[in-house]
Protein backbone atom coordinates (compact mmCIF):
# COMPACT_ATOMS: atom_id res chain seq x y z
CA MET A 1 0.15 -0.16 0.13
CA ALA A 2 1.24 3.23 -0.58
CA ASN A 3 0.59 4.61 2.94
CA GLU A 4 -2.85 6.19 1.65
CA GLY A 5 -4.80 2.73 1.72
CA ARG A 6 -3.94 1.62 -1.81
CA TRP A 7 -2.02 -0.68 -3.29
CA LYS A 8 0.86 -0.31 -5.58
CA THR A 9 1.78 -2.43 -8.68
CA CYS A 10 5.46 -3.48 -7.87
CA ALA A 11 5.71 -6.24 -10.58
CA THR A 12 3.26 -7.87 -13.23
CA LEU A 13 4.38 -11.94 -13.61
CA LYS A 14 3.00 -14.37 -15.90
CA VAL A 15 3.16 -17.87 -15.02
CA GLU A 16 1.93 -20.83 -17.24
CA PRO A 17 -0.63 -23.32 -16.27
CA GLY A 18 1.60 -26.03 -14.26
CA GLN A 19 4.88 -24.05 -14.01
CA THR A 20 6.46 -22.38 -10.92
CA LEU A 21 7.92 -18.94 -10.58
CA GLU A 22 10.66 -17.65 -8.59
CA HIS A 23 10.59 -13.75 -8.19
CA LYS A 24 13.00 -11.93 -6.09
CA SER A 25 12.31 -8.39 -5.02
CA PRO A 26 15.07 -5.45 -5.09
CA ASP A 27 17.26 -5.33 -1.80
CA ALA A 28 15.97 -2.19 -1.00
CA TYR A 29 12.22 -3.33 -1.04
CA GLY A 30 10.34 -3.12 2.23
CA ALA A 31 6.77 -4.40 2.27
CA HIS A 32 4.68 -5.84 5.25
CA TRP A 33 1.81 -7.04 3.04
CA ALA A 34 1.61 -8.56 -0.44
CA CYS A 35 -1.59 -8.91 -2.71
CA LEU A 36 -1.22 -11.33 -5.52
CA ALA A 37 -4.33 -11.10 -8.10
CA ALA A 38 -4.88 -13.35 -10.93
CA ALA A 39 -6.06 -12.35 -14.51
CA ALA A 40 -8.25 -15.67 -15.02
CA ASP A 41 -9.81 -18.08 -12.58
CA CYS A 42 -7.33 -20.37 -11.17
CA THR A 43 -6.10 -22.48 -8.26
CA ALA A 44 -2.78 -21.24 -6.98
CA SER A 45 -0.70 -20.46 -4.06
CA GLU A 46 2.16 -18.56 -2.78
CA ILE A 47 4.99 -18.67 -0.60
CA ILE A 48 6.96 -15.54 0.48
CA PHE A 49 10.59 -15.95 2.09
CA ASP A 50 11.76 -12.76 4.21
CA GLU A 51 15.66 -13.38 4.38
């Protein structure tokens, strides 16, 4: 969120059916929340590592 209650798009990623995607945010990126949205109906899951 951009400190105003609105979400900010940080990346737009495409994952093909049956595939896995790994995405690394920039080192300076700090977030407390992540909101993922699908462009079409699907079954998906996410795992976020904070290292």
